[in-house]
């Protein structure tokens, strides 16, 4: 599976933090909302990240499939 450099950074960031809000991701990755939304949608559709709304704001969490992919990429 091929990831863009931004998607990989997104996935690595979620993996490190376990659960991260959309606003935190914007700050951490220093990007605007449209680029973030595109990457998030792509990763969600490939089941590498899931979006949850525990307290009303969108948060991202890595899936088992996403964790396995990162492990493969780091080998």
PDB file of N, CA and C in Angstrom:
ATOM      1  N   UNK A   1       0.856  -1.179   0.000  1.00  0.00           N
ATOM      2  CA  UNK A   1       0.000   0.000   0.000  1.00  0.00           C
ATOM      3  C   UNK A   1       0.900   1.240   0.000  1.00  0.00           C
ATOM      4  N   UNK A   2       0.590   2.146  -0.872  1.00  0.00           N
ATOM      5  CA  UNK A   2       1.406   3.346  -1.019  1.00  0.00           C
ATOM      6  C   UNK A   2       0.731   4.519  -0.299  1.00  0.00           C
ATOM      7  N   UNK A   3       1.526   5.220   0.508  1.00  0.00           N
ATOM      8  CA  UNK A   3       1.066   6.414   1.210  1.00  0.00           C
ATOM      9  C   UNK A   3       1.847   7.609   0.707  1.00  0.00           C
ATOM     10  N   UNK A   4       1.183   8.750   0.636  1.00  0.00           N
ATOM     11  CA  UNK A   4       1.901   9.984   0.332  1.00  0.00           C
ATOM     12  C   UNK A   4       2.734  10.341   1.563  1.00  0.00           C
ATOM     13  N   UNK A   5       3.756  11.174   1.398  1.00  0.00           N
ATOM     14  CA  UNK A   5       4.548  11.582   2.567  1.00  0.00           C
ATOM     15  C   UNK A   5       3.692  12.220   3.667  1.00  0.00           C
ATOM     16  N   UNK A   6       2.693  13.014   3.274  1.00  0.00           N
ATOM     17  CA  UNK A   6       1.821  13.647   4.270  1.00  0.00           C
ATOM     18  C   UNK A   6       0.964  12.613   4.984  1.00  0.00           C
ATOM     19  N   UNK A   7       0.432  11.637   4.232  1.00  0.00           N
ATOM     20  CA  UNK A   7      -0.378  10.589   4.859  1.00  0.00           C
ATOM     21  C   UNK A   7       0.452   9.788   5.857  1.00  0.00           C
ATOM     22  N   UNK A   8       1.693   9.525   5.499  1.00  0.00           N
ATOM     23  CA  UNK A   8       2.562   8.784   6.420  1.00  0.00           C
ATOM     24  C   UNK A   8       2.811   9.589   7.701  1.00  0.00           C
ATOM     25  N   UNK A   9       3.085  10.886   7.569  1.00  0.00           N
ATOM     26  CA  UNK A   9       3.263  11.743   8.750  1.00  0.00           C
ATOM     27  C   UNK A   9       2.007  11.754   9.604  1.00  0.00           C
ATOM     28  N   UNK A  10       0.857  11.852   8.953  1.00  0.00           N
ATOM     29  CA  UNK A  10      -0.435  11.836   9.648  1.00  0.00           C
ATOM     30  C   UNK A  10      -0.565  10.540  10.443  1.00  0.00           C
ATOM     31  N   UNK A  11      -0.327   9.409   9.785  1.00  0.00           N
ATOM     32  CA  UNK A  11      -0.464   8.104  10.421  1.00  0.00           C
ATOM     33  C   UNK A  11       0.526   7.947  11.577  1.00  0.00           C
ATOM     34  N   UNK A  12       1.759   8.372  11.389  1.00  0.00           N
ATOM     35  CA  UNK A  12       2.766   8.289  12.458  1.00  0.00           C
ATOM     36  C   UNK A  12       2.388   9.161  13.653  1.00  0.00           C
ATOM     37  N   UNK A  13       1.835  10.325  13.372  1.00  0.00           N
ATOM     38  CA  UNK A  13       1.424  11.227  14.451  1.00  0.00           C
ATOM     39  C   UNK A  13       0.296  10.619  15.274  1.00  0.00           C
ATOM     40  N   UNK A  14      -0.678  10.040  14.594  1.00  0.00           N
ATOM     41  CA  UNK A  14      -1.790   9.399  15.309  1.00  0.00           C
ATOM     42  C   UNK A  14      -1.267   8.212  16.118  1.00  0.00           C
ATOM     43  N   UNK A  15      -0.350   7.460  15.557  1.00  0.00           N
ATOM     44  CA  UNK A  15       0.200   6.295  16.257  1.00  0.00           C
ATOM     45  C   UNK A  15       0.926   6.708  17.537  1.00  0.00           C
ATOM     46  N   UNK A  16       1.671   7.788  17.484  1.00  0.00           N
ATOM     47  CA  UNK A  16       2.414   8.251  18.659  1.00  0.00           C
ATOM     48  C   UNK A  16       1.489   8.742  19.760  1.00  0.00           C
ATOM     49  N   UNK A  17       0.416   9.420  19.381  1.00  0.00           N
ATOM     50  CA  UNK A  17      -0.457  10.058  20.376  1.00  0.00           C
ATOM     51  C   UNK A  17      -1.668   9.206  20.756  1.00  0.00           C
ATOM     52  N   UNK A  18      -1.934   8.133  20.037  1.00  0.00           N
ATOM     53  CA  UNK A  18      -3.070   7.234  20.275  1.00  0.00           C
ATOM     54  C   UNK A  18      -4.414   7.844  19.886  1.00  0.00           C
ATOM     55  N   UNK A  19      -4.678   9.040  20.349  1.00  0.00           N
ATOM     56  CA  UNK A  19      -5.929   9.734  20.034  1.00  0.00           C
ATOM     57  C   UNK A  19      -5.590  11.215  19.901  1.00  0.00           C
ATOM     58  N   UNK A  20      -5.955  11.806  18.778  1.00  0.00           N
ATOM     59  CA  UNK A  20      -5.596  13.201  18.531  1.00  0.00           C
ATOM     60  C   UNK A  20      -6.779  13.917  17.876  1.00  0.00           C
ATOM     61  N   UNK A  21      -7.060  15.134  18.342  1.00  0.00           N
ATOM     62  CA  UNK A  21      -8.174  15.893  17.770  1.00  0.00           C
ATOM     63  C   UNK A  21      -7.761  16.494  16.430  1.00  0.00           C
ATOM     64  N   UNK A  22      -8.751  16.856  15.669  1.00  0.00           N
ATOM     65  CA  UNK A  22      -8.504  17.467  14.369  1.00  0.00           C
ATOM     66  C   UNK A  22      -7.711  18.771  14.525  1.00  0.00           C
ATOM     67  N   UNK A  23      -8.055  19.584  15.508  1.00  0.00           N
ATOM     68  CA  UNK A  23      -7.341  20.842  15.719  1.00  0.00           C
ATOM     69  C   UNK A  23      -5.890  20.603  16.123  1.00  0.00           C
ATOM     70  N   UNK A  24      -5.645  19.593  16.956  1.00  0.00           N
ATOM     71  CA  UNK A  24      -4.266  19.253  17.318  1.00  0.00           C
ATOM     72  C   UNK A  24      -3.473  18.819  16.087  1.00  0.00           C
ATOM     73  N   UNK A  25      -4.111  18.054  15.218  1.00  0.00           N
ATOM     74  CA  UNK A  25      -3.426  17.602  13.995  1.00  0.00           C
ATOM     75  C   UNK A  25      -3.035  18.794  13.121  1.00  0.00           C
ATOM     76  N   UNK A  26      -3.930  19.761  13.004  1.00  0.00           N
ATOM     77  CA  UNK A  26      -3.609  20.958  12.219  1.00  0.00           C
ATOM     78  C   UNK A  26      -2.362  21.638  12.754  1.00  0.00           C
ATOM     79  N   UNK A  27      -2.281  21.754  14.077  1.00  0.00           N
ATOM     80  CA  UNK A  27      -1.129  22.403  14.700  1.00  0.00           C
ATOM     81  C   UNK A  27       0.134  21.553  14.568  1.00  0.00           C
ATOM     82  N   UNK A  28       0.017  20.261  14.830  1.00  0.00           N
ATOM     83  CA  UNK A  28       1.176  19.376  14.791  1.00  0.00           C
ATOM     84  C   UNK A  28       1.764  19.251  13.385  1.00  0.00           C
ATOM     85  N   UNK A  29       0.895  19.173  12.383  1.00  0.00           N
ATOM     86  CA  UNK A  29       1.355  18.994  11.009  1.00  0.00           C
ATOM     87  C   UNK A  29       1.487  20.313  10.260  1.00  0.00           C
ATOM     88  N   UNK A  30       1.122  21.396  10.915  1.00  0.00           N
ATOM     89  CA  UNK A  30       1.230  22.741  10.331  1.00  0.00           C
ATOM     90  C   UNK A  30       0.637  22.795   8.914  1.00  0.00           C
ATOM     91  N   UNK A  31      -0.650  22.505   8.863  1.00  0.00           N
ATOM     92  CA  UNK A  31      -1.341  22.478   7.582  1.00  0.00           C
ATOM     93  C   UNK A  31      -2.740  23.062   7.723  1.00  0.00           C
ATOM     94  N   UNK A  32      -3.377  23.287   6.595  1.00  0.00           N
ATOM     95  CA  UNK A  32      -4.745  23.806   6.639  1.00  0.00           C
ATOM     96  C   UNK A  32      -5.741  22.643   6.659  1.00  0.00           C
ATOM     97  N   UNK A  33      -6.975  22.990   6.869  1.00  0.00           N
ATOM     98  CA  UNK A  33      -8.017  21.980   7.026  1.00  0.00           C
ATOM     99  C   UNK A  33      -8.288  21.140   5.805  1.00  0.00           C
ATOM    100  N   UNK A  34      -8.172  21.718   4.606  1.00  0.00           N
ATOM    101  CA  UNK A  34      -8.511  20.952   3.405  1.00  0.00           C
ATOM    102  C   UNK A  34      -7.505  19.838   3.140  1.00  0.00           C
ATOM    103  N   UNK A  35      -6.229  20.101   3.337  1.00  0.00           N
ATOM    104  CA  UNK A  35      -5.195  19.075   3.152  1.00  0.00           C
ATOM    105  C   UNK A  35      -5.375  17.991   4.206  1.00  0.00           C
ATOM    106  N   UNK A  36      -5.639  18.398   5.419  1.00  0.00           N
ATOM    107  CA  UNK A  36      -5.852  17.460   6.518  1.00  0.00           C
ATOM    108  C   UNK A  36      -7.073  16.590   6.252  1.00  0.00           C
ATOM    109  N   UNK A  37      -8.165  17.190   5.809  1.00  0.00           N
ATOM    110  CA  UNK A  37      -9.390  16.442   5.526  1.00  0.00           C
ATOM    111  C   UNK A  37      -9.182  15.415   4.414  1.00  0.00           C
ATOM    112  N   UNK A  38      -8.427  15.799   3.389  1.00  0.00           N
ATOM    113  CA  UNK A  38      -8.157  14.891   2.277  1.00  0.00           C
ATOM    114  C   UNK A  38      -7.358  13.682   2.746  1.00  0.00           C
ATOM    115  N   UNK A  39      -6.302  13.930   3.515  1.00  0.00           N
ATOM    116  CA  UNK A  39      -5.475  12.833   4.029  1.00  0.00           C
ATOM    117  C   UNK A  39      -6.279  11.953   4.978  1.00  0.00           C
ATOM    118  N   UNK A  40      -7.046  12.574   5.857  1.00  0.00           N
ATOM    119  CA  UNK A  40      -7.852  11.812   6.810  1.00  0.00           C
ATOM    120  C   UNK A  40      -8.864  10.931   6.078  1.00  0.00           C
ATOM    121  N   UNK A  41      -9.539  11.479   5.095  1.00  0.00           N
ATOM    122  CA  UNK A  41     -10.522  10.703   4.330  1.00  0.00           C
ATOM    123  C   UNK A  41      -9.874   9.514   3.637  1.00  0.00           C
ATOM    124  N   UNK A  42      -8.701   9.738   3.078  1.00  0.00           N
ATOM    125  CA  UNK A  42      -7.980   8.667   2.396  1.00  0.00           C
ATOM    126  C   UNK A  42      -7.599   7.552   3.372  1.00  0.00           C
ATOM    127  N   UNK A  43      -7.065   7.930   4.519  1.00  0.00           N
ATOM    128  CA  UNK A  43      -6.647   6.935   5.507  1.00  0.00           C
ATOM    129  C   UNK A  43      -7.838   6.216   6.129  1.00  0.00           C
ATOM    130  N   UNK A  44      -8.932   6.932   6.327  1.00  0.00           N
ATOM    131  CA  UNK A  44     -10.148   6.312   6.870  1.00  0.00           C
ATOM    132  C   UNK A  44     -10.726   5.315   5.864  1.00  0.00           C
ATOM    133  N   UNK A  45     -10.752   5.687   4.595  1.00  0.00           N
ATOM    134  CA  UNK A  45     -11.312   4.784   3.577  1.00  0.00           C
ATOM    135  C   UNK A  45     -10.482   3.514   3.427  1.00  0.00           C
ATOM    136  N   UNK A  46      -9.186   3.589   3.724  1.00  0.00           N
ATOM    137  CA  UNK A  46      -8.319   2.405   3.668  1.00  0.00           C
ATOM    138  C   UNK A  46      -8.249   1.680   5.015  1.00  0.00           C
ATOM    139  N   UNK A  47      -9.063   2.143   5.967  1.00  0.00           N
ATOM    140  CA  UNK A  47      -9.187   1.534   7.297  1.00  0.00           C
ATOM    141  C   UNK A  47      -7.874   1.544   8.076  1.00  0.00           C
ATOM    142  N   UNK A  48      -7.064   2.592   7.890  1.00  0.00           N
ATOM    143  CA  UNK A  48      -5.816   2.744   8.625  1.00  0.00           C
ATOM    144  C   UNK A  48      -6.003   3.635   9.842  1.00  0.00           C
ATOM    145  N   UNK A  49      -7.013   4.500   9.777  1.00  0.00           N
ATOM    146  CA  UNK A  49      -7.350   5.432  10.851  1.00  0.00           C
ATOM    147  C   UNK A  49      -8.866   5.427  10.978  1.00  0.00           C
ATOM    148  N   UNK A  50      -9.341   5.649  12.180  1.00  0.00           N
ATOM    149  CA  UNK A  50     -10.786   5.819  12.352  1.00  0.00           C
ATOM    150  C   UNK A  50     -11.041   7.188  12.971  1.00  0.00           C
ATOM    151  N   UNK A  51     -12.181   7.750  12.650  1.00  0.00           N
ATOM    152  CA  UNK A  51     -12.602   9.033  13.215  1.00  0.00           C
ATOM    153  C   UNK A  51     -13.646   8.745  14.276  1.00  0.00           C
ATOM    154  N   UNK A  52     -13.454   9.341  15.441  1.00  0.00           N
ATOM    155  CA  UNK A  52     -14.407   9.174  16.538  1.00  0.00           C
ATOM    156  C   UNK A  52     -14.786  10.553  17.056  1.00  0.00           C
ATOM    157  N   UNK A  53     -15.934  10.637  17.683  1.00  0.00           N
ATOM    158  CA  UNK A  53     -16.423  11.902  18.238  1.00  0.00           C
ATOM    159  C   UNK A  53     -16.786  11.715  19.705  1.00  0.00           C
ATOM    160  N   UNK A  54     -15.790  11.525  20.568  1.00  0.00           N
ATOM    161  CA  UNK A  54     -16.099  11.232  21.967  1.00  0.00           C
ATOM    162  C   UNK A  54     -16.715  12.400  22.733  1.00  0.00           C
ATOM    163  N   UNK A  55     -16.333  13.609  22.410  1.00  0.00           N
ATOM    164  CA  UNK A  55     -16.841  14.775  23.146  1.00  0.00           C
ATOM    165  C   UNK A  55     -17.341  15.865  22.205  1.00  0.00           C
ATOM    166  N   UNK A  56     -17.766  15.455  21.022  1.00  0.00           N
ATOM    167  CA  UNK A  56     -18.316  16.417  20.082  1.00  0.00           C
ATOM    168  C   UNK A  56     -17.341  16.915  19.036  1.00  0.00           C
ATOM    169  N   UNK A  57     -16.044  16.798  19.275  1.00  0.00           N
ATOM    170  CA  UNK A  57     -15.081  17.210  18.255  1.00  0.00           C
ATOM    171  C   UNK A  57     -14.454  15.963  17.638  1.00  0.00           C
ATOM    172  N   UNK A  58     -14.118  16.043  16.363  1.00  0.00           N
ATOM    173  CA  UNK A  58     -13.555  14.900  15.666  1.00  0.00           C
ATOM    174  C   UNK A  58     -12.166  14.572  16.190  1.00  0.00           C
ATOM    175  N   UNK A  59     -11.958  13.303  16.482  1.00  0.00           N
ATOM    176  CA  UNK A  59     -10.650  12.796  16.904  1.00  0.00           C
ATOM    177  C   UNK A  59     -10.280  11.640  15.993  1.00  0.00           C
ATOM    178  N   UNK A  60      -8.984  11.416  15.845  1.00  0.00           N
ATOM    179  CA  UNK A  60      -8.490  10.319  15.020  1.00  0.00           C
ATOM    180  C   UNK A  60      -7.760   9.311  15.895  1.00  0.00           C
ATOM    181  N   UNK A  61      -7.965   8.034  15.585  1.00  0.00           N
ATOM    182  CA  UNK A  61      -7.287   6.946  16.279  1.00  0.00           C
ATOM    183  C   UNK A  61      -6.771   5.972  15.225  1.00  0.00           C
ATOM    184  N   UNK A  62      -5.608   5.401  15.470  1.00  0.00           N
ATOM    185  CA  UNK A  62      -5.043   4.439  14.528  1.00  0.00           C
ATOM    186  C   UNK A  62      -5.730   3.090  14.711  1.00  0.00           C
ATOM    187  N   UNK A  63      -5.899   2.360  13.633  1.00  0.00           N
ATOM    188  CA  UNK A  63      -6.495   1.026  13.680  1.00  0.00           C
ATOM    189  C   UNK A  63      -5.380  -0.020  13.749  1.00  0.00           C
ATOM    190  N   UNK A  64      -5.751  -1.260  13.993  1.00  0.00           N
ATOM    191  CA  UNK A  64      -4.757  -2.341  13.991  1.00  0.00           C
ATOM    192  C   UNK A  64      -4.098  -2.454  12.630  1.00  0.00           C
ATOM    193  N   UNK A  65      -4.885  -2.281  11.582  1.00  0.00           N
ATOM    194  CA  UNK A  65      -4.348  -2.349  10.224  1.00  0.00           C
ATOM    195  C   UNK A  65      -3.330  -1.224   9.999  1.00  0.00           C
ATOM    196  N   UNK A  66      -3.610  -0.042  10.516  1.00  0.00           N
ATOM    197  CA  UNK A  66      -2.684   1.075  10.402  1.00  0.00           C
ATOM    198  C   UNK A  66      -1.399   0.823  11.159  1.00  0.00           C
ATOM    199  N   UNK A  67      -1.513   0.228  12.340  1.00  0.00           N
ATOM    200  CA  UNK A  67      -0.332  -0.107  13.137  1.00  0.00           C
ATOM    201  C   UNK A  67       0.532  -1.125  12.407  1.00  0.00           C
ATOM    202  N   UNK A  68      -0.098  -2.138  11.835  1.00  0.00           N
ATOM    203  CA  UNK A  68       0.659  -3.160  11.084  1.00  0.00           C
ATOM    204  C   UNK A  68       1.371  -2.554   9.886  1.00  0.00           C
ATOM    205  N   UNK A  69       0.706  -1.649   9.193  1.00  0.00           N
ATOM    206  CA  UNK A  69       1.325  -1.024   8.025  1.00  0.00           C
ATOM    207  C   UNK A  69       2.560  -0.222   8.455  1.00  0.00           C
ATOM    208  N   UNK A  70       2.470   0.541   9.510  1.00  0.00           N
ATOM    209  CA  UNK A  70       3.624   1.302   9.989  1.00  0.00           C
ATOM    210  C   UNK A  70       4.774   0.374  10.371  1.00  0.00           C
ATOM    211  N   UNK A  71       4.455  -0.753  10.982  1.00  0.00           N
ATOM    212  CA  UNK A  71       5.495  -1.718  11.340  1.00  0.00           C
ATOM    213  C   UNK A  71       6.183  -2.246  10.086  1.00  0.00           C
ATOM    214  N   UNK A  72       5.407  -2.537   9.046  1.00  0.00           N
ATOM    215  CA  UNK A  72       5.981  -3.024   7.785  1.00  0.00           C
ATOM    216  C   UNK A  72       6.860  -1.956   7.130  1.00  0.00           C
ATOM    217  N   UNK A  73       6.419  -0.713   7.180  1.00  0.00           N
ATOM    218  CA  UNK A  73       7.165   0.364   6.554  1.00  0.00           C
ATOM    219  C   UNK A  73       8.483   0.639   7.270  1.00  0.00           C
ATOM    220  N   UNK A  74       8.527   0.364   8.565  1.00  0.00           N
ATOM    221  CA  UNK A  74       9.745   0.656   9.326  1.00  0.00           C
ATOM    222  C   UNK A  74      10.760  -0.493   9.254  1.00  0.00           C
ATOM    223  N   UNK A  75      10.337  -1.646   8.740  1.00  0.00           N
ATOM    224  CA  UNK A  75      11.277  -2.783   8.609  1.00  0.00           C
ATOM    225  C   UNK A  75      12.286  -2.567   7.521  1.00  0.00           C
TER     226      UNK A  75
END
